């Protein structure tokens, strides 16, 4: 009987440790999700870009389709918003 109690105590300790690790992982995932959501909030800025002329309209269209329009990365697929592209399109 005492051996069974010891085994149960050991199992409970292992479960407590595992629950603690899972809580840490959840906290890290929640932080990552919050950062991702902050990064994806920038499209509101890009909707109000000052573009003039036909070439700026085409650059704006390319940017909204998900490509870089800044000189450093022109034509490459974007992962999120690019401040260089936004600054480039807002130039007069």
N, C-alpha and C. Protein backbone atom coordinates (compact mmCIF):
# COMPACT_ATOMS: atom_id res chain seq x y z
N UNK A 1 0.83 -1.19 0.00
CA UNK A 1 0.00 0.00 0.00
C UNK A 1 0.88 1.26 0.00
N UNK A 2 1.92 1.25 0.80
CA UNK A 2 2.81 2.41 0.87
C UNK A 2 3.51 2.64 -0.47
N UNK A 3 3.85 1.56 -1.15
CA UNK A 3 4.49 1.66 -2.46
C UNK A 3 3.55 2.33 -3.47
N UNK A 4 2.28 2.01 -3.42
CA UNK A 4 1.29 2.62 -4.31
C UNK A 4 1.17 4.12 -4.04
N UNK A 5 1.19 4.49 -2.79
CA UNK A 5 1.09 5.91 -2.41
C UNK A 5 2.32 6.66 -2.94
N UNK A 6 3.50 6.08 -2.81
CA UNK A 6 4.72 6.70 -3.30
C UNK A 6 4.67 6.87 -4.83
N UNK A 7 4.18 5.86 -5.52
CA UNK A 7 4.05 5.95 -6.98
C UNK A 7 3.07 7.05 -7.37
N UNK A 8 1.96 7.15 -6.66
CA UNK A 8 0.99 8.20 -6.95
C UNK A 8 1.57 9.58 -6.69
N UNK A 9 2.34 9.73 -5.62
CA UNK A 9 2.98 11.01 -5.32
C UNK A 9 3.94 11.40 -6.45
N UNK A 10 4.70 10.43 -6.94
CA UNK A 10 5.64 10.70 -8.01
C UNK A 10 4.90 11.10 -9.29
N UNK A 11 3.83 10.44 -9.59
CA UNK A 11 3.02 10.77 -10.77
C UNK A 11 2.45 12.17 -10.64
N UNK A 12 1.97 12.52 -9.46
CA UNK A 12 1.40 13.85 -9.21
C UNK A 12 2.47 14.92 -9.39
N UNK A 13 3.69 14.69 -8.88
CA UNK A 13 4.78 15.65 -9.06
C UNK A 13 5.08 15.86 -10.53
N UNK A 14 5.16 14.77 -11.29
CA UNK A 14 5.43 14.87 -12.72
C UNK A 14 4.33 15.65 -13.44
N UNK A 15 3.10 15.41 -13.06
CA UNK A 15 1.98 16.13 -13.67
C UNK A 15 2.03 17.62 -13.34
N UNK A 16 2.39 17.93 -12.11
CA UNK A 16 2.49 19.34 -11.71
C UNK A 16 3.58 20.04 -12.53
N UNK A 17 4.72 19.38 -12.71
CA UNK A 17 5.79 19.96 -13.52
C UNK A 17 5.35 20.15 -14.97
N UNK A 18 4.66 19.16 -15.50
CA UNK A 18 4.20 19.25 -16.89
C UNK A 18 3.18 20.38 -17.05
N UNK A 19 2.28 20.53 -16.08
CA UNK A 19 1.30 21.61 -16.14
C UNK A 19 2.01 22.97 -16.11
N UNK A 20 3.04 23.09 -15.29
CA UNK A 20 3.82 24.33 -15.23
C UNK A 20 4.47 24.65 -16.56
N UNK A 21 5.06 23.63 -17.19
CA UNK A 21 5.69 23.83 -18.50
C UNK A 21 4.65 24.22 -19.55
N UNK A 22 3.49 23.60 -19.51
CA UNK A 22 2.44 23.94 -20.47
C UNK A 22 1.94 25.36 -20.27
N UNK A 23 1.85 25.80 -19.03
CA UNK A 23 1.44 27.18 -18.75
C UNK A 23 2.46 28.17 -19.32
N UNK A 24 3.74 27.85 -19.19
CA UNK A 24 4.78 28.72 -19.77
C UNK A 24 4.66 28.77 -21.29
N UNK A 25 4.44 27.62 -21.90
CA UNK A 25 4.29 27.59 -23.36
C UNK A 25 3.09 28.40 -23.81
N UNK A 26 1.99 28.30 -23.07
CA UNK A 26 0.79 29.08 -23.41
C UNK A 26 1.07 30.56 -23.30
N UNK A 27 1.77 30.96 -22.24
CA UNK A 27 2.11 32.37 -22.05
C UNK A 27 2.98 32.87 -23.21
N UNK A 28 3.96 32.07 -23.62
CA UNK A 28 4.82 32.46 -24.74
C UNK A 28 4.03 32.56 -26.04
N UNK A 29 3.13 31.62 -26.26
CA UNK A 29 2.30 31.68 -27.47
C UNK A 29 1.38 32.89 -27.48
N UNK A 30 0.84 33.25 -26.33
CA UNK A 30 -0.01 34.43 -26.24
C UNK A 30 0.78 35.69 -26.53
N UNK A 31 2.03 35.77 -26.05
CA UNK A 31 2.88 36.92 -26.35
C UNK A 31 3.17 36.99 -27.84
N UNK A 32 3.47 35.85 -28.43
CA UNK A 32 3.74 35.82 -29.87
C UNK A 32 2.53 36.25 -30.68
N UNK A 33 1.37 35.80 -30.28
CA UNK A 33 0.14 36.20 -30.98
C UNK A 33 -0.11 37.69 -30.84
N UNK A 34 0.15 38.25 -29.67
CA UNK A 34 -0.04 39.69 -29.47
C UNK A 34 0.90 40.47 -30.37
N UNK A 35 2.15 40.04 -30.49
CA UNK A 35 3.11 40.72 -31.37
C UNK A 35 2.68 40.60 -32.82
N UNK A 36 2.21 39.43 -33.21
CA UNK A 36 1.75 39.24 -34.59
C UNK A 36 0.56 40.13 -34.90
N UNK A 37 -0.37 40.24 -33.97
CA UNK A 37 -1.53 41.09 -34.18
C UNK A 37 -1.13 42.55 -34.30
N UNK A 38 -0.12 42.99 -33.53
CA UNK A 38 0.36 44.36 -33.64
C UNK A 38 0.96 44.61 -35.01
N UNK A 39 1.72 43.65 -35.52
CA UNK A 39 2.34 43.80 -36.83
C UNK A 39 1.33 43.86 -37.95
N UNK A 40 0.22 43.16 -37.81
CA UNK A 40 -0.77 43.12 -38.88
C UNK A 40 -1.76 44.27 -38.80
N UNK A 41 -1.63 45.15 -37.82
CA UNK A 41 -2.54 46.30 -37.73
C UNK A 41 -2.14 47.45 -38.62
N UNK A 42 -0.97 47.43 -39.23
CA UNK A 42 -0.48 48.52 -40.05
C UNK A 42 -1.24 48.77 -41.35
N UNK A 43 -2.02 47.83 -41.91
CA UNK A 43 -2.66 48.12 -43.18
C UNK A 43 -3.52 49.37 -43.20
N UNK A 44 -4.04 49.80 -42.07
CA UNK A 44 -4.84 51.03 -42.04
C UNK A 44 -3.99 52.21 -42.49
N UNK A 45 -2.71 52.19 -42.20
CA UNK A 45 -1.80 53.26 -42.62
C UNK A 45 -1.65 53.25 -44.13
N UNK A 46 -1.56 52.08 -44.72
CA UNK A 46 -1.30 51.99 -46.16
C UNK A 46 -2.52 52.38 -46.99
N UNK A 47 -3.69 52.35 -46.42
CA UNK A 47 -4.87 52.71 -47.20
C UNK A 47 -4.92 54.20 -47.47
N UNK A 48 -4.27 55.01 -46.66
CA UNK A 48 -4.32 56.46 -46.79
C UNK A 48 -3.03 57.03 -47.37
N UNK A 49 -2.30 56.26 -48.15
CA UNK A 49 -1.05 56.74 -48.72
C UNK A 49 -1.32 57.82 -49.75
N UNK A 50 -0.42 58.80 -49.78
CA UNK A 50 -0.53 59.87 -50.76
C UNK A 50 0.16 59.43 -52.04
N UNK A 51 -0.61 59.08 -53.05
CA UNK A 51 -0.06 58.64 -54.32
C UNK A 51 -0.59 59.56 -55.42
N UNK A 52 0.30 59.96 -56.30
CA UNK A 52 -0.17 60.78 -57.40
C UNK A 52 0.44 60.27 -58.70
N UNK A 53 -0.25 60.44 -59.76
CA UNK A 53 0.25 60.01 -61.06
C UNK A 53 0.05 58.53 -61.29
N UNK A 54 0.13 58.16 -62.55
CA UNK A 54 -0.13 56.78 -62.94
C UNK A 54 0.90 55.81 -62.35
N UNK A 55 2.19 56.19 -62.34
CA UNK A 55 3.20 55.27 -61.82
C UNK A 55 3.05 55.04 -60.33
N UNK A 56 2.65 56.08 -59.59
CA UNK A 56 2.43 55.89 -58.16
C UNK A 56 1.21 55.01 -57.92
N UNK A 57 0.21 55.11 -58.77
CA UNK A 57 -0.96 54.23 -58.65
C UNK A 57 -0.55 52.77 -58.86
N UNK A 58 0.31 52.53 -59.84
CA UNK A 58 0.76 51.17 -60.09
C UNK A 58 1.61 50.65 -58.93
N UNK A 59 2.47 51.51 -58.36
CA UNK A 59 3.26 51.11 -57.20
C UNK A 59 2.35 50.79 -56.01
N UNK A 60 1.33 51.63 -55.83
CA UNK A 60 0.38 51.39 -54.74
C UNK A 60 -0.35 50.07 -54.92
N UNK A 61 -0.72 49.76 -56.14
CA UNK A 61 -1.41 48.51 -56.44
C UNK A 61 -0.48 47.31 -56.17
N UNK A 62 0.78 47.43 -56.61
CA UNK A 62 1.75 46.36 -56.35
C UNK A 62 1.92 46.14 -54.85
N UNK A 63 2.01 47.24 -54.12
CA UNK A 63 2.20 47.12 -52.67
C UNK A 63 1.01 46.44 -52.02
N UNK A 64 -0.20 46.82 -52.42
CA UNK A 64 -1.40 46.22 -51.84
C UNK A 64 -1.54 44.75 -52.22
N UNK A 65 -0.92 44.34 -53.34
CA UNK A 65 -0.94 42.93 -53.74
C UNK A 65 0.09 42.10 -52.97
N UNK A 66 0.94 42.78 -52.19
CA UNK A 66 1.87 42.05 -51.34
C UNK A 66 3.32 42.05 -51.79
N UNK A 67 3.71 43.02 -52.61
CA UNK A 67 5.09 43.10 -53.07
C UNK A 67 5.76 44.37 -52.57
N UNK A 68 7.10 44.31 -52.43
CA UNK A 68 7.86 45.49 -52.05
C UNK A 68 7.93 46.45 -53.24
N UNK A 69 7.87 47.76 -52.94
CA UNK A 69 8.07 48.78 -53.96
C UNK A 69 9.24 49.69 -53.60
N UNK A 70 9.87 49.45 -52.46
CA UNK A 70 11.04 50.24 -52.07
C UNK A 70 12.24 49.80 -52.91
N UNK A 71 13.18 50.70 -53.15
CA UNK A 71 14.33 50.36 -53.99
C UNK A 71 15.16 49.18 -53.47
N UNK A 72 15.25 49.02 -52.17
CA UNK A 72 16.09 47.97 -51.61
C UNK A 72 15.54 46.56 -51.89
N UNK A 73 14.23 46.40 -51.94
CA UNK A 73 13.63 45.06 -52.09
C UNK A 73 12.58 45.01 -53.17
N UNK A 74 12.69 45.85 -54.17
CA UNK A 74 11.64 45.96 -55.18
C UNK A 74 11.28 44.62 -55.79
N UNK A 75 9.97 44.33 -55.81
CA UNK A 75 9.45 43.14 -56.47
C UNK A 75 9.44 41.89 -55.63
N UNK A 76 10.07 41.92 -54.47
CA UNK A 76 10.07 40.74 -53.61
C UNK A 76 8.76 40.67 -52.83
N UNK A 77 8.34 39.48 -52.47
CA UNK A 77 7.11 39.28 -51.71
C UNK A 77 7.32 39.81 -50.29
N UNK A 78 6.34 40.58 -49.80
CA UNK A 78 6.42 41.14 -48.45
C UNK A 78 5.90 40.16 -47.43
N UNK A 79 6.46 40.21 -46.22
CA UNK A 79 5.94 39.49 -45.06
C UNK A 79 5.50 40.57 -44.08
N UNK A 80 4.28 41.03 -44.15
CA UNK A 80 3.82 42.13 -43.30
C UNK A 80 4.07 43.46 -43.98
N UNK A 81 3.98 44.53 -43.22
CA UNK A 81 4.14 45.87 -43.77
C UNK A 81 5.61 46.24 -43.84
N UNK A 82 5.96 47.14 -44.76
CA UNK A 82 7.34 47.61 -44.92
C UNK A 82 7.35 49.12 -44.80
N UNK A 83 8.01 49.62 -43.78
CA UNK A 83 8.06 51.06 -43.56
C UNK A 83 8.82 51.78 -44.67
N UNK A 84 9.80 51.11 -45.28
CA UNK A 84 10.53 51.73 -46.38
C UNK A 84 9.62 51.93 -47.59
N UNK A 85 8.79 50.94 -47.87
CA UNK A 85 7.84 51.07 -48.99
C UNK A 85 6.85 52.20 -48.72
N UNK A 86 6.35 52.24 -47.52
CA UNK A 86 5.38 53.29 -47.16
C UNK A 86 6.01 54.65 -47.30
N UNK A 87 7.22 54.82 -46.78
CA UNK A 87 7.93 56.10 -46.88
C UNK A 87 8.20 56.45 -48.33
N UNK A 88 8.56 55.47 -49.13
CA UNK A 88 8.85 55.70 -50.55
C UNK A 88 7.60 56.20 -51.29
N UNK A 89 6.45 55.60 -50.98
CA UNK A 89 5.22 55.99 -51.68
C UNK A 89 4.69 57.33 -51.18
N UNK A 90 5.04 57.74 -49.98
CA UNK A 90 4.55 59.00 -49.45
C UNK A 90 5.40 60.19 -49.89
N UNK A 91 6.54 59.92 -50.54
CA UNK A 91 7.38 61.01 -51.04
C UNK A 91 6.62 61.79 -52.12
N UNK A 92 6.91 63.06 -52.19
CA UNK A 92 6.28 63.86 -53.24
C UNK A 92 7.28 64.16 -54.33
